[in-house]
Structure formats: C-alpha cells, structure tokens
Amino acid sequence: METTAEGVTTIQLKGEIDLQESPRLRAVLQTQLKCQVMALLLDFSEVSYIDSSGLATLVEYYQHCLLYDGRIALTGLIPRVRSIFEWVRLNEIFPILESAAAAQAELLRPGKAGPGAA
C-alpha cells in the first residue's frame, strides 16, 4: 500500500522480502525513481524477514535516488529484521526510526537524511 502526505510517500511492505519477492519491490521502487520521489518512507512493520536480494534492492534504490537528492528512511523494523540491517551495517546508510512520525520528520528536516538519524 502506498500513500503520500505532506511531501512524504510511504510504502507499507508485507511478508518476506526474499529472492522471490524482491523483483516486486524493485518494480515499486523503480516507479518511485521514475517519479523522482523526494522523500520515501518504507514501513517494515509487517515484514518478517529480508534476505540479501531484498537488501540489494534497497541499496540499488538508495544509489539512484541520490542522483536527484532523494531521501529514504525506514520504520517499523521488528528486532529480527533490524538485526539483519545492523549485521551488514546498512543501518549506517538507511535512517531507521522507531515511528512513522519520527521518520517523516527526519525526511522533511532540512539537510540530508542519513546515517545516525535514528
């Protein structure tokens, strides 16, 4: 599910983001890139697992959105999923915030949303 409010596009992710589901996520993120969405919030509150293909898809989006000064933040990560990001140190690239409100505020804050935002 996708919503946009106050300049932030939020995408609610669900289930497992693995080799089978990553192409669907990539298609959704490619649409965001084509529209040059400036502030993207990915809500992981209903995601139970992410594998390397899912992580690679997110990194690919991140690299491309930087070309037009886009921002991305993550929220709602359960401990198991958050530990995967921390294990591969992607928490240093993606701002991971505890609430959607905090993530939206970070995305709208002047300056670049980035490491250390959480």
PDB file of N, CA and C in Angstrom:
ATOM      1  N   MET A   1       0.836  -1.170   0.000  1.00  0.00           N
ATOM      2  CA  MET A   1       0.000   0.000   0.000  1.00  0.00           C
ATOM      3  C   MET A   1       0.889   1.244   0.000  1.00  0.00           C
ATOM      4  N   GLU A   2       0.501   2.229  -0.800  1.00  0.00           N
ATOM      5  CA  GLU A   2       1.270   3.462  -0.923  1.00  0.00           C
ATOM      6  C   GLU A   2       0.387   4.663  -0.613  1.00  0.00           C
ATOM      7  N   THR A   3       0.917   5.578   0.191  1.00  0.00           N
ATOM      8  CA  THR A   3       0.216   6.824   0.497  1.00  0.00           C
ATOM      9  C   THR A   3       1.223   7.966   0.417  1.00  0.00           C
ATOM     10  N   THR A   4       0.701   9.157   0.172  1.00  0.00           N
ATOM     11  CA  THR A   4       1.545  10.346   0.170  1.00  0.00           C
ATOM     12  C   THR A   4       0.863  11.412   1.007  1.00  0.00           C
ATOM     13  N   ALA A   5       1.610  11.972   1.937  1.00  0.00           N
ATOM     14  CA  ALA A   5       1.090  13.035   2.791  1.00  0.00           C
ATOM     15  C   ALA A   5       2.235  13.965   3.162  1.00  0.00           C
ATOM     16  N   GLU A   6       1.985  15.238   3.067  1.00  0.00           N
ATOM     17  CA  GLU A   6       2.951  16.271   3.472  1.00  0.00           C
ATOM     18  C   GLU A   6       4.319  16.078   2.813  1.00  0.00           C
ATOM     19  N   GLY A   7       4.332  15.653   1.559  1.00  0.00           N
ATOM     20  CA  GLY A   7       5.586  15.515   0.833  1.00  0.00           C
ATOM     21  C   GLY A   7       6.342  14.225   1.062  1.00  0.00           C
ATOM     22  N   VAL A   8       5.771  13.307   1.834  1.00  0.00           N
ATOM     23  CA  VAL A   8       6.428  12.019   2.101  1.00  0.00           C
ATOM     24  C   VAL A   8       5.572  10.892   1.535  1.00  0.00           C
ATOM     25  N   THR A   9       6.166  10.084   0.684  1.00  0.00           N
ATOM     26  CA  THR A   9       5.496   8.892   0.167  1.00  0.00           C
ATOM     27  C   THR A   9       5.839   7.731   1.083  1.00  0.00           C
ATOM     28  N   THR A  10       4.804   7.061   1.584  1.00  0.00           N
ATOM     29  CA  THR A  10       5.001   5.916   2.477  1.00  0.00           C
ATOM     30  C   THR A  10       4.542   4.656   1.768  1.00  0.00           C
ATOM     31  N   ILE A  11       5.379   3.638   1.809  1.00  0.00           N
ATOM     32  CA  ILE A  11       5.033   2.335   1.247  1.00  0.00           C
ATOM     33  C   ILE A  11       5.051   1.323   2.377  1.00  0.00           C
ATOM     34  N   GLN A  12       3.918   0.651   2.562  1.00  0.00           N
ATOM     35  CA  GLN A  12       3.772  -0.389   3.569  1.00  0.00           C
ATOM     36  C   GLN A  12       4.206  -1.712   2.946  1.00  0.00           C
ATOM     37  N   LEU A  13       5.285  -2.278   3.450  1.00  0.00           N
ATOM     38  CA  LEU A  13       5.778  -3.562   2.963  1.00  0.00           C
ATOM     39  C   LEU A  13       5.199  -4.681   3.821  1.00  0.00           C
ATOM     40  N   LYS A  14       5.067  -5.885   3.221  1.00  0.00           N
ATOM     41  CA  LYS A  14       4.478  -7.001   3.946  1.00  0.00           C
ATOM     42  C   LYS A  14       5.204  -8.302   3.638  1.00  0.00           C
ATOM     43  N   GLY A  15       5.165  -9.203   4.588  1.00  0.00           N
ATOM     44  CA  GLY A  15       5.664 -10.560   4.386  1.00  0.00           C
ATOM     45  C   GLY A  15       7.175 -10.666   4.427  1.00  0.00           C
ATOM     46  N   GLU A  16       7.691 -11.533   3.583  1.00  0.00           N
ATOM     47  CA  GLU A  16       9.126 -11.759   3.494  1.00  0.00           C
ATOM     48  C   GLU A  16       9.642 -11.121   2.212  1.00  0.00           C
ATOM     49  N   ILE A  17      10.726 -10.383   2.332  1.00  0.00           N
ATOM     50  CA  ILE A  17      11.353  -9.777   1.159  1.00  0.00           C
ATOM     51  C   ILE A  17      12.562 -10.638   0.832  1.00  0.00           C
ATOM     52  N   ASP A  18      12.341 -11.580  -0.066  1.00  0.00           N
ATOM     53  CA  ASP A  18      13.358 -12.557  -0.415  1.00  0.00           C
ATOM     54  C   ASP A  18      13.543 -12.596  -1.925  1.00  0.00           C
ATOM     55  N   LEU A  19      14.272 -13.574  -2.413  1.00  0.00           N
ATOM     56  CA  LEU A  19      14.574 -13.691  -3.839  1.00  0.00           C
ATOM     57  C   LEU A  19      13.307 -13.714  -4.691  1.00  0.00           C
ATOM     58  N   GLN A  20      12.258 -14.322  -4.193  1.00  0.00           N
ATOM     59  CA  GLN A  20      11.004 -14.399  -4.939  1.00  0.00           C
ATOM     60  C   GLN A  20      10.278 -13.052  -4.947  1.00  0.00           C
ATOM     61  N   GLU A  21      10.313 -12.310  -3.860  1.00  0.00           N
ATOM     62  CA  GLU A  21       9.558 -11.058  -3.737  1.00  0.00           C
ATOM     63  C   GLU A  21      10.355  -9.808  -4.119  1.00  0.00           C
ATOM     64  N   SER A  22      11.662  -9.894  -4.156  1.00  0.00           N
ATOM     65  CA  SER A  22      12.494  -8.725  -4.462  1.00  0.00           C
ATOM     66  C   SER A  22      12.169  -8.073  -5.811  1.00  0.00           C
ATOM     67  N   PRO A  23      11.874  -8.858  -6.854  1.00  0.00           N
ATOM     68  CA  PRO A  23      11.519  -8.203  -8.124  1.00  0.00           C
ATOM     69  C   PRO A  23      10.272  -7.311  -8.008  1.00  0.00           C
ATOM     70  N   ARG A  24       9.322  -7.702  -7.187  1.00  0.00           N
ATOM     71  CA  ARG A  24       8.129  -6.860  -6.989  1.00  0.00           C
ATOM     72  C   ARG A  24       8.505  -5.564  -6.281  1.00  0.00           C
ATOM     73  N   LEU A  25       9.349  -5.681  -5.260  1.00  0.00           N
ATOM     74  CA  LEU A  25       9.806  -4.485  -4.557  1.00  0.00           C
ATOM     75  C   LEU A  25      10.605  -3.602  -5.508  1.00  0.00           C
ATOM     76  N   ARG A  26      11.455  -4.196  -6.315  1.00  0.00           N
ATOM     77  CA  ARG A  26      12.254  -3.433  -7.278  1.00  0.00           C
ATOM     78  C   ARG A  26      11.338  -2.664  -8.225  1.00  0.00           C
ATOM     79  N   ALA A  27      10.268  -3.284  -8.702  1.00  0.00           N
ATOM     80  CA  ALA A  27       9.323  -2.608  -9.602  1.00  0.00           C
ATOM     81  C   ALA A  27       8.668  -1.411  -8.916  1.00  0.00           C
ATOM     82  N   VAL A  28       8.280  -1.586  -7.659  1.00  0.00           N
ATOM     83  CA  VAL A  28       7.672  -0.487  -6.898  1.00  0.00           C
ATOM     84  C   VAL A  28       8.680   0.650  -6.727  1.00  0.00           C
ATOM     85  N   LEU A  29       9.899   0.308  -6.385  1.00  0.00           N
ATOM     86  CA  LEU A  29      10.917   1.331  -6.176  1.00  0.00           C
ATOM     87  C   LEU A  29      11.317   2.001  -7.484  1.00  0.00           C
ATOM     88  N   GLN A  30      11.311   1.261  -8.578  1.00  0.00           N
ATOM     89  CA  GLN A  30      11.611   1.860  -9.885  1.00  0.00           C
ATOM     90  C   GLN A  30      10.572   2.923 -10.237  1.00  0.00           C
ATOM     91  N   THR A  31       9.323   2.676  -9.887  1.00  0.00           N
ATOM     92  CA  THR A  31       8.271   3.670 -10.108  1.00  0.00           C
ATOM     93  C   THR A  31       8.567   4.929  -9.310  1.00  0.00           C
ATOM     94  N   GLN A  32       9.026   4.761  -8.084  1.00  0.00           N
ATOM     95  CA  GLN A  32       9.367   5.913  -7.248  1.00  0.00           C
ATOM     96  C   GLN A  32      10.531   6.696  -7.862  1.00  0.00           C
ATOM     97  N   LEU A  33      11.489   5.979  -8.430  1.00  0.00           N
ATOM     98  CA  LEU A  33      12.619   6.638  -9.080  1.00  0.00           C
ATOM     99  C   LEU A  33      12.174   7.412 -10.312  1.00  0.00           C
ATOM    100  N   LYS A  34      11.310   6.804 -11.116  1.00  0.00           N
ATOM    101  CA  LYS A  34      10.827   7.481 -12.330  1.00  0.00           C
ATOM    102  C   LYS A  34      10.081   8.761 -11.984  1.00  0.00           C
ATOM    103  N   CYS A  35       9.364   8.739 -10.868  1.00  0.00           N
ATOM    104  CA  CYS A  35       8.627   9.926 -10.411  1.00  0.00           C
ATOM    105  C   CYS A  35       9.519  10.875  -9.616  1.00  0.00           C
ATOM    106  N   GLN A  36      10.749  10.487  -9.394  1.00  0.00           N
ATOM    107  CA  GLN A  36      11.710  11.239  -8.588  1.00  0.00           C
ATOM    108  C   GLN A  36      11.109  11.668  -7.250  1.00  0.00           C
ATOM    109  N   VAL A  37      10.583  10.673  -6.546  1.00  0.00           N
ATOM    110  CA  VAL A  37      10.041  10.904  -5.209  1.00  0.00           C
ATOM    111  C   VAL A  37      11.170  11.418  -4.322  1.00  0.00           C
ATOM    112  N   MET A  38      10.939  12.551  -3.703  1.00  0.00           N
ATOM    113  CA  MET A  38      11.986  13.203  -2.916  1.00  0.00           C
ATOM    114  C   MET A  38      12.133  12.627  -1.509  1.00  0.00           C
ATOM    115  N   ALA A  39      11.038  12.132  -0.930  1.00  0.00           N
ATOM    116  CA  ALA A  39      11.070  11.602   0.438  1.00  0.00           C
ATOM    117  C   ALA A  39      10.264  10.306   0.471  1.00  0.00           C
ATOM    118  N   LEU A  40      10.955   9.190   0.668  1.00  0.00           N
ATOM    119  CA  LEU A  40      10.318   7.877   0.676  1.00  0.00           C
ATOM    120  C   LEU A  40      10.502   7.223   2.035  1.00  0.00           C
ATOM    121  N   LEU A  41       9.396   6.808   2.610  1.00  0.00           N
ATOM    122  CA  LEU A  41       9.394   6.094   3.887  1.00  0.00           C
ATOM    123  C   LEU A  41       8.930   4.672   3.634  1.00  0.00           C
ATOM    124  N   LEU A  42       9.757   3.713   3.994  1.00  0.00           N
ATOM    125  CA  LEU A  42       9.377   2.311   3.878  1.00  0.00           C
ATOM    126  C   LEU A  42       8.997   1.813   5.261  1.00  0.00           C
ATOM    127  N   ASP A  43       7.748   1.373   5.383  1.00  0.00           N
ATOM    128  CA  ASP A  43       7.226   0.868   6.655  1.00  0.00           C
ATOM    129  C   ASP A  43       7.361  -0.650   6.667  1.00  0.00           C
ATOM    130  N   PHE A  44       8.235  -1.134   7.524  1.00  0.00           N
ATOM    131  CA  PHE A  44       8.544  -2.561   7.627  1.00  0.00           C
ATOM    132  C   PHE A  44       7.741  -3.260   8.726  1.00  0.00           C
ATOM    133  N   SER A  45       6.729  -2.621   9.276  1.00  0.00           N
ATOM    134  CA  SER A  45       6.047  -3.185  10.444  1.00  0.00           C
ATOM    135  C   SER A  45       5.396  -4.540  10.176  1.00  0.00           C
ATOM    136  N   GLU A  46       5.152  -4.874   8.906  1.00  0.00           N
ATOM    137  CA  GLU A  46       4.575  -6.180   8.586  1.00  0.00           C
ATOM    138  C   GLU A  46       5.553  -7.070   7.820  1.00  0.00           C
ATOM    139  N   VAL A  47       6.837  -6.766   7.927  1.00  0.00           N
ATOM    140  CA  VAL A  47       7.869  -7.577   7.271  1.00  0.00           C
ATOM    141  C   VAL A  47       8.507  -8.479   8.312  1.00  0.00           C
ATOM    142  N   SER A  48       8.512  -9.775   8.035  1.00  0.00           N
ATOM    143  CA  SER A  48       9.058 -10.735   8.990  1.00  0.00           C
ATOM    144  C   SER A  48      10.490 -11.155   8.669  1.00  0.00           C
ATOM    145  N   TYR A  49      10.957 -10.866   7.435  1.00  0.00           N
ATOM    146  CA  TYR A  49      12.284 -11.312   7.028  1.00  0.00           C
ATOM    147  C   TYR A  49      12.713 -10.546   5.787  1.00  0.00           C
ATOM    148  N   ILE A  50      14.006 -10.316   5.653  1.00  0.00           N
ATOM    149  CA  ILE A  50      14.583  -9.766   4.426  1.00  0.00           C
ATOM    150  C   ILE A  50      15.904 -10.474   4.182  1.00  0.00           C
ATOM    151  N   ASP A  51      16.140 -10.857   2.929  1.00  0.00           N
ATOM    152  CA  ASP A  51      17.405 -11.530   2.613  1.00  0.00           C
ATOM    153  C   ASP A  51      18.300 -10.600   1.795  1.00  0.00           C
ATOM    154  N   SER A  52      19.407 -11.125   1.329  1.00  0.00           N
ATOM    155  CA  SER A  52      20.385 -10.300   0.622  1.00  0.00           C
ATOM    156  C   SER A  52      19.820  -9.698  -0.663  1.00  0.00           C
ATOM    157  N   SER A  53      18.912 -10.396  -1.330  1.00  0.00           N
ATOM    158  CA  SER A  53      18.332  -9.835  -2.549  1.00  0.00           C
ATOM    159  C   SER A  53      17.451  -8.633  -2.225  1.00  0.00           C
ATOM    160  N   GLY A  54      16.755  -8.687  -1.111  1.00  0.00           N
ATOM    161  CA  GLY A  54      15.955  -7.543  -0.672  1.00  0.00           C
ATOM    162  C   GLY A  54      16.827  -6.375  -0.281  1.00  0.00           C
ATOM    163  N   LEU A  55      17.911  -6.660   0.432  1.00  0.00           N
ATOM    164  CA  LEU A  55      18.845  -5.607   0.821  1.00  0.00           C
ATOM    165  C   LEU A  55      19.476  -4.969  -0.412  1.00  0.00           C
ATOM    166  N   ALA A  56      19.846  -5.787  -1.391  1.00  0.00           N
ATOM    167  CA  ALA A  56      20.442  -5.262  -2.622  1.00  0.00           C
ATOM    168  C   ALA A  56      19.462  -4.365  -3.369  1.00  0.00           C
ATOM    169  N   THR A  57      18.201  -4.722  -3.350  1.00  0.00           N
ATOM    170  CA  THR A  57      17.177  -3.908  -3.995  1.00  0.00           C
ATOM    171  C   THR A  57      17.086  -2.536  -3.330  1.00  0.00           C
ATOM    172  N   LEU A  58      17.160  -2.503  -2.007  1.00  0.00           N
ATOM    173  CA  LEU A  58      17.107  -1.232  -1.288  1.00  0.00           C
ATOM    174  C   LEU A  58      18.352  -0.390  -1.554  1.00  0.00           C
ATOM    175  N   VAL A  59      19.513  -1.027  -1.588  1.00  0.00           N
ATOM    176  CA  VAL A  59      20.751  -0.303  -1.866  1.00  0.00           C
ATOM    177  C   VAL A  59      20.706   0.278  -3.279  1.00  0.00           C
ATOM    178  N   GLU A  60      20.202  -0.489  -4.217  1.00  0.00           N
ATOM    179  CA  GLU A  60      20.071  -0.007  -5.597  1.00  0.00           C
ATOM    180  C   GLU A  60      19.188   1.249  -5.643  1.00  0.00           C
ATOM    181  N   TYR A  61      18.056   1.209  -4.948  1.00  0.00           N
ATOM    182  CA  TYR A  61      17.188   2.385  -4.905  1.00  0.00           C
ATOM    183  C   TYR A  61      17.929   3.570  -4.292  1.00  0.00           C
ATOM    184  N   TYR A  62      18.587   3.334  -3.186  1.00  0.00           N
ATOM    185  CA  TYR A  62      19.315   4.390  -2.488  1.00  0.00           C
ATOM    186  C   TYR A  62      20.326   5.059  -3.419  1.00  0.00           C
ATOM    187  N   GLN A  63      21.108   4.268  -4.129  1.00  0.00           N
ATOM    188  CA  GLN A  63      22.129   4.815  -5.027  1.00  0.00           C
ATOM    189  C   GLN A  63      21.498   5.690  -6.108  1.00  0.00           C
ATOM    190  N   HIS A  64      20.369   5.250  -6.644  1.00  0.00           N
ATOM    191  CA  HIS A  64      19.722   6.007  -7.716  1.00  0.00           C
ATOM    192  C   HIS A  64      19.004   7.254  -7.206  1.00  0.00           C
ATOM    193  N   CYS A  65      18.404   7.199  -6.038  1.00  0.00           N
ATOM    194  CA  CYS A  65      17.682   8.376  -5.543  1.00  0.00           C
ATOM    195  C   CYS A  65      18.648   9.491  -5.156  1.00  0.00           C
ATOM    196  N   LEU A  66      19.883   9.163  -4.851  1.00  0.00           N
ATOM    197  CA  LEU A  66      20.873  10.192  -4.541  1.00  0.00           C
ATOM    198  C   LEU A  66      21.147  11.085  -5.746  1.00  0.00           C
ATOM    199  N   LEU A  67      20.933  10.557  -6.941  1.00  0.00           N
ATOM    200  CA  LEU A  67      21.199  11.322  -8.156  1.00  0.00           C
ATOM    201  C   LEU A  67      20.303  12.547  -8.270  1.00  0.00           C
ATOM    202  N   TYR A  68      19.136  12.514  -7.642  1.00  0.00           N
ATOM    203  CA  TYR A  68      18.253  13.688  -7.657  1.00  0.00           C
ATOM    204  C   TYR A  68      17.990  14.209  -6.233  1.00  0.00           C
ATOM    205  N   ASP A  69      18.885  13.887  -5.311  1.00  0.00           N
ATOM    206  CA  ASP A  69      18.807  14.325  -3.915  1.00  0.00           C
ATOM    207  C   ASP A  69      17.582  13.781  -3.184  1.00  0.00           C
ATOM    208  N   GLY A  70      17.154  12.587  -3.582  1.00  0.00           N
ATOM    209  CA  GLY A  70      16.051  11.932  -2.884  1.00  0.00           C
ATOM    210  C   GLY A  70      16.507  11.414  -1.532  1.00  0.00           C
ATOM    211  N   ARG A  71      15.531  11.184  -0.675  1.00  0.00           N
ATOM    212  CA  ARG A  71      15.802  10.665   0.669  1.00  0.00           C
ATOM    213  C   ARG A  71      14.962   9.419   0.903  1.00  0.00           C
ATOM    214  N   ILE A  72      15.470   8.571   1.777  1.00  0.00           N
ATOM    215  CA  ILE A  72      14.754   7.355   2.163  1.00  0.00           C
ATOM    216  C   ILE A  72      14.970   7.130   3.649  1.00  0.00           C
ATOM    217  N   ALA A  73      13.938   6.629   4.313  1.00  0.00           N
ATOM    218  CA  ALA A  73      14.037   6.247   5.722  1.00  0.00           C
ATOM    219  C   ALA A  73      13.198   4.990   5.921  1.00  0.00           C
ATOM    220  N   LEU A  74      13.517   4.260   6.975  1.00  0.00           N
ATOM    221  CA  LEU A  74      12.818   3.015   7.292  1.00  0.00           C
ATOM    222  C   LEU A  74      12.222   3.123   8.688  1.00  0.00           C
ATOM    223  N   THR A  75      11.090   2.473   8.874  1.00  0.00           N
ATOM    224  CA  THR A  75      10.465   2.427  10.196  1.00  0.00           C
ATOM    225  C   THR A  75       9.782   1.076  10.383  1.00  0.00           C
ATOM    226  N   GLY A  76       9.475   0.757  11.626  1.00  0.00           N
ATOM    227  CA  GLY A  76       8.698  -0.437  11.937  1.00  0.00           C
ATOM    228  C   GLY A  76       9.447  -1.747  11.863  1.00  0.00           C
ATOM    229  N   LEU A  77      10.766  -1.729  11.910  1.00  0.00           N
ATOM    230  CA  LEU A  77      11.520  -2.972  11.804  1.00  0.00           C
ATOM    231  C   LEU A  77      11.424  -3.773  13.096  1.00  0.00           C
ATOM    232  N   ILE A  78      10.989  -5.024  12.968  1.00  0.00           N
ATOM    233  CA  ILE A  78      10.992  -5.902  14.132  1.00  0.00           C
ATOM    234  C   ILE A  78      12.446  -6.227  14.454  1.00  0.00           C
ATOM    235  N   PRO A  79      12.744  -6.662  15.682  1.00  0.00           N
ATOM    236  CA  PRO A  79      14.139  -6.917  16.055  1.00  0.00           C
ATOM    237  C   PRO A  79      14.886  -7.839  15.095  1.00  0.00           C
ATOM    238  N   ARG A  80      14.226  -8.880  14.614  1.00  0.00           N
ATOM    239  CA  ARG A  80      14.884  -9.834  13.713  1.00  0.00           C
ATOM    240  C   ARG A  80      15.326  -9.146  12.420  1.00  0.00           C
ATOM    241  N   VAL A  81      14.456  -8.320  11.849  1.00  0.00           N
ATOM    242  CA  VAL A  81      14.780  -7.627  10.601  1.00  0.00           C
ATOM    243  C   VAL A  81      15.808  -6.527  10.856  1.00  0.00           C
ATOM    244  N   ARG A  82      15.633  -5.797  11.937  1.00  0.00           N
ATOM    245  CA  ARG A  82      16.597  -4.737  12.260  1.00  0.00           C
ATOM    246  C   ARG A  82      17.994  -5.324  12.453  1.00  0.00           C
ATOM    247  N   SER A  83      18.089  -6.496  13.075  1.00  0.00           N
ATOM    248  CA  SER A  83      19.407  -7.099  13.300  1.00  0.00           C
ATOM    249  C   SER A  83      20.090  -7.459  11.982  1.00  0.00           C
ATOM    250  N   ILE A  84      19.312  -7.790  10.951  1.00  0.00           N
ATOM    251  CA  ILE A  84      19.890  -8.083   9.639  1.00  0.00           C
ATOM    252  C   ILE A  84      20.536  -6.814   9.078  1.00  0.00           C
ATOM    253  N   PHE A  85      19.835  -5.680   9.174  1.00  0.00           N
ATOM    254  CA  PHE A  85      20.394  -4.407   8.716  1.00  0.00           C
ATOM    255  C   PHE A  85      21.652  -4.059   9.503  1.00  0.00           C
ATOM    256  N   GLU A  86      21.621  -4.282  10.805  1.00  0.00           N
ATOM    257  CA  GLU A  86      22.769  -3.964  11.645  1.00  0.00           C
ATOM    258  C   GLU A  86      23.947  -4.899  11.354  1.00  0.00           C
ATOM    259  N   TRP A  87      23.668  -6.158  11.117  1.00  0.00           N
ATOM    260  CA  TRP A  87      24.714  -7.139  10.870  1.00  0.00           C
ATOM    261  C   TRP A  87      25.529  -6.782   9.635  1.00  0.00           C
ATOM    262  N   VAL A  88      24.850  -6.269   8.594  1.00  0.00           N
ATOM    263  CA  VAL A  88      25.555  -5.893   7.362  1.00  0.00           C
ATOM    264  C   VAL A  88      25.840  -4.384   7.315  1.00  0.00           C
ATOM    265  N   ARG A  89      25.595  -3.718   8.430  1.00  0.00           N
ATOM    266  CA  ARG A  89      25.891  -2.303   8.635  1.00  0.00           C
ATOM    267  C   ARG A  89      25.109  -1.368   7.723  1.00  0.00           C
ATOM    268  N   LEU A  90      23.971  -1.803   7.225  1.00  0.00           N
ATOM    269  CA  LEU A  90      23.141  -0.921   6.409  1.00  0.00           C
ATOM    270  C   LEU A  90      22.386   0.096   7.261  1.00  0.00           C
ATOM    271  N   ASN A  91      22.367  -0.118   8.559  1.00  0.00           N
ATOM    272  CA  ASN A  91      21.792   0.891   9.451  1.00  0.00           C
ATOM    273  C   ASN A  91      22.644   2.159   9.440  1.00  0.00           C
ATOM    274  N   GLU A  92      23.850   2.077   8.912  1.00  0.00           N
ATOM    275  CA  GLU A  92      24.702   3.251   8.773  1.00  0.00           C
ATOM    276  C   GLU A  92      24.383   4.038   7.513  1.00  0.00           C
ATOM    277  N   ILE A  93      23.632   3.443   6.610  1.00  0.00           N
ATOM    278  CA  ILE A  93      23.233   4.096   5.360  1.00  0.00           C
ATOM    279  C   ILE A  93      21.777   4.535   5.416  1.00  0.00           C
ATOM    280  N   PHE A  94      20.923   3.639   5.883  1.00  0.00           N
ATOM    281  CA  PHE A  94      19.490   3.923   5.937  1.00  0.00           C
ATOM    282  C   PHE A  94      19.098   4.430   7.322  1.00  0.00           C
ATOM    283  N   PRO A  95      18.496   5.620   7.409  1.00  0.00           N
ATOM    284  CA  PRO A  95      17.956   6.052   8.702  1.00  0.00           C
ATOM    285  C   PRO A  95      16.841   5.091   9.114  1.00  0.00           C
ATOM    286  N   ILE A  96      16.963   4.495  10.285  1.00  0.00           N
ATOM    287  CA  ILE A  96      15.957   3.580  10.819  1.00  0.00           C
ATOM    288  C   ILE A  96      15.375   4.253  12.052  1.00  0.00           C
ATOM    289  N   LEU A  97      14.092   4.589  11.974  1.00  0.00           N
ATOM    290  CA  LEU A  97      13.454   5.314  13.066  1.00  0.00           C
ATOM    291  C   LEU A  97      12.340   4.478  13.668  1.00  0.00           C
ATOM    292  N   GLU A  98      12.059   4.739  14.931  1.00  0.00           N
ATOM    293  CA  GLU A  98      11.103   3.923  15.685  1.00  0.00           C
ATOM    294  C   GLU A  98       9.651   4.145  15.270  1.00  0.00           C
ATOM    295  N   SER A  99       9.314   5.339  14.798  1.00  0.00           N
ATOM    296  CA  SER A  99       7.916   5.609  14.453  1.00  0.00           C
ATOM    297  C   SER A  99       7.834   6.275  13.091  1.00  0.00           C
ATOM    298  N   ALA A 100       6.676   6.143  12.467  1.00  0.00           N
ATOM    299  CA  ALA A 100       6.452   6.793  11.179  1.00  0.00           C
ATOM    300  C   ALA A 100       6.547   8.306  11.325  1.00  0.00           C
ATOM    301  N   ALA A 101       6.044   8.841  12.426  1.00  0.00           N
ATOM    302  CA  ALA A 101       6.094  10.288  12.644  1.00  0.00           C
ATOM    303  C   ALA A 101       7.537  10.777  12.729  1.00  0.00           C
ATOM    304  N   ALA A 102       8.381  10.042  13.447  1.00  0.00           N
ATOM    305  CA  ALA A 102       9.794  10.415  13.557  1.00  0.00           C
ATOM    306  C   ALA A 102      10.488  10.310  12.202  1.00  0.00           C
ATOM    307  N   ALA A 103      10.153   9.283  11.441  1.00  0.00           N
ATOM    308  CA  ALA A 103      10.755   9.100  10.123  1.00  0.00           C
ATOM    309  C   ALA A 103      10.322  10.213   9.175  1.00  0.00           C
ATOM    310  N   GLN A 104       9.046  10.577   9.208  1.00  0.00           N
ATOM    311  CA  GLN A 104       8.564  11.670   8.360  1.00  0.00           C
ATOM    312  C   GLN A 104       9.266  12.967   8.722  1.00  0.00           C
ATOM    313  N   ALA A 105       9.409  13.229  10.000  1.00  0.00           N
ATOM    314  CA  ALA A 105      10.090  14.449  10.443  1.00  0.00           C
ATOM    315  C   ALA A 105      11.535  14.452   9.955  1.00  0.00           C
ATOM    316  N   GLU A 106      12.198  13.319  10.036  1.00  0.00           N
ATOM    317  CA  GLU A 106      13.585  13.218   9.573  1.00  0.00           C
ATOM    318  C   GLU A 106      13.679  13.450   8.071  1.00  0.00           C
ATOM    319  N   LEU A 107      12.749  12.893   7.320  1.00  0.00           N
ATOM    320  CA  LEU A 107      12.765  13.062   5.871  1.00  0.00           C
ATOM    321  C   LEU A 107      12.516  14.506   5.451  1.00  0.00           C
ATOM    322  N   LEU A 108      11.743  15.228   6.231  1.00  0.00           N
ATOM    323  CA  LEU A 108      11.400  16.611   5.902  1.00  0.00           C
ATOM    324  C   LEU A 108      12.361  17.625   6.504  1.00  0.00           C
ATOM    325  N   ARG A 109      13.253  17.155   7.372  1.00  0.00           N
ATOM    326  CA  ARG A 109      14.217  18.043   8.020  1.00  0.00           C
ATOM    327  C   ARG A 109      15.168  18.609   6.978  1.00  0.00           C
ATOM    328  N   PRO A 110      15.464  19.919   7.070  1.00  0.00           N
ATOM    329  CA  PRO A 110      16.436  20.494   6.131  1.00  0.00           C
ATOM    330  C   PRO A 110      17.775  19.770   6.251  1.00  0.00           C
ATOM    331  N   GLY A 111      18.438  19.600   5.156  1.00  0.00           N
ATOM    332  CA  GLY A 111      19.682  18.844   5.147  1.00  0.00           C
ATOM    333  C   GLY A 111      19.410  17.436   4.684  1.00  0.00           C
ATOM    334  N   LYS A 112      20.399  16.634   4.678  1.00  0.00           N
ATOM    335  CA  LYS A 112      20.290  15.276   4.136  1.00  0.00           C
ATOM    336  C   LYS A 112      19.981  14.272   5.241  1.00  0.00           C
ATOM    337  N   ALA A 113      18.916  13.485   5.063  1.00  0.00           N
ATOM    338  CA  ALA A 113      18.661  12.362   5.975  1.00  0.00           C
ATOM    339  C   ALA A 113      19.757  11.334   5.723  1.00  0.00           C
ATOM    340  N   GLY A 114      20.373  10.852   6.744  1.00  0.00           N
ATOM    341  CA  GLY A 114      21.443   9.907   6.514  1.00  0.00           C
ATOM    342  C   GLY A 114      21.833   9.169   7.764  1.00  0.00           C
ATOM    343  N   PRO A 115      23.017   8.631   7.786  1.00  0.00           N
ATOM    344  CA  PRO A 115      23.480   7.838   8.918  1.00  0.00           C
ATOM    345  C   PRO A 115      23.377   8.605  10.217  1.00  0.00           C
ATOM    346  N   GLY A 116      23.051   7.874  11.251  1.00  0.00           N
ATOM    347  CA  GLY A 116      22.956   8.473  12.571  1.00  0.00           C
ATOM    348  C   GLY A 116      21.644   9.165  12.839  1.00  0.00           C
ATOM    349  N   ALA A 117      20.667   9.013  11.926  1.00  0.00           N
ATOM    350  CA  ALA A 117      19.385   9.690  12.089  1.00  0.00           C
ATOM    351  C   ALA A 117      18.550   9.044  13.180  1.00  0.00           C
ATOM    352  N   ALA A 118      18.776   7.778  13.430  1.00  0.00           N
ATOM    353  CA  ALA A 118      17.962   7.081  14.437  1.00  0.00           C
ATOM    354  C   ALA A 118      18.482   7.332  15.834  1.00  0.00           C
TER     355      ALA A 118
END
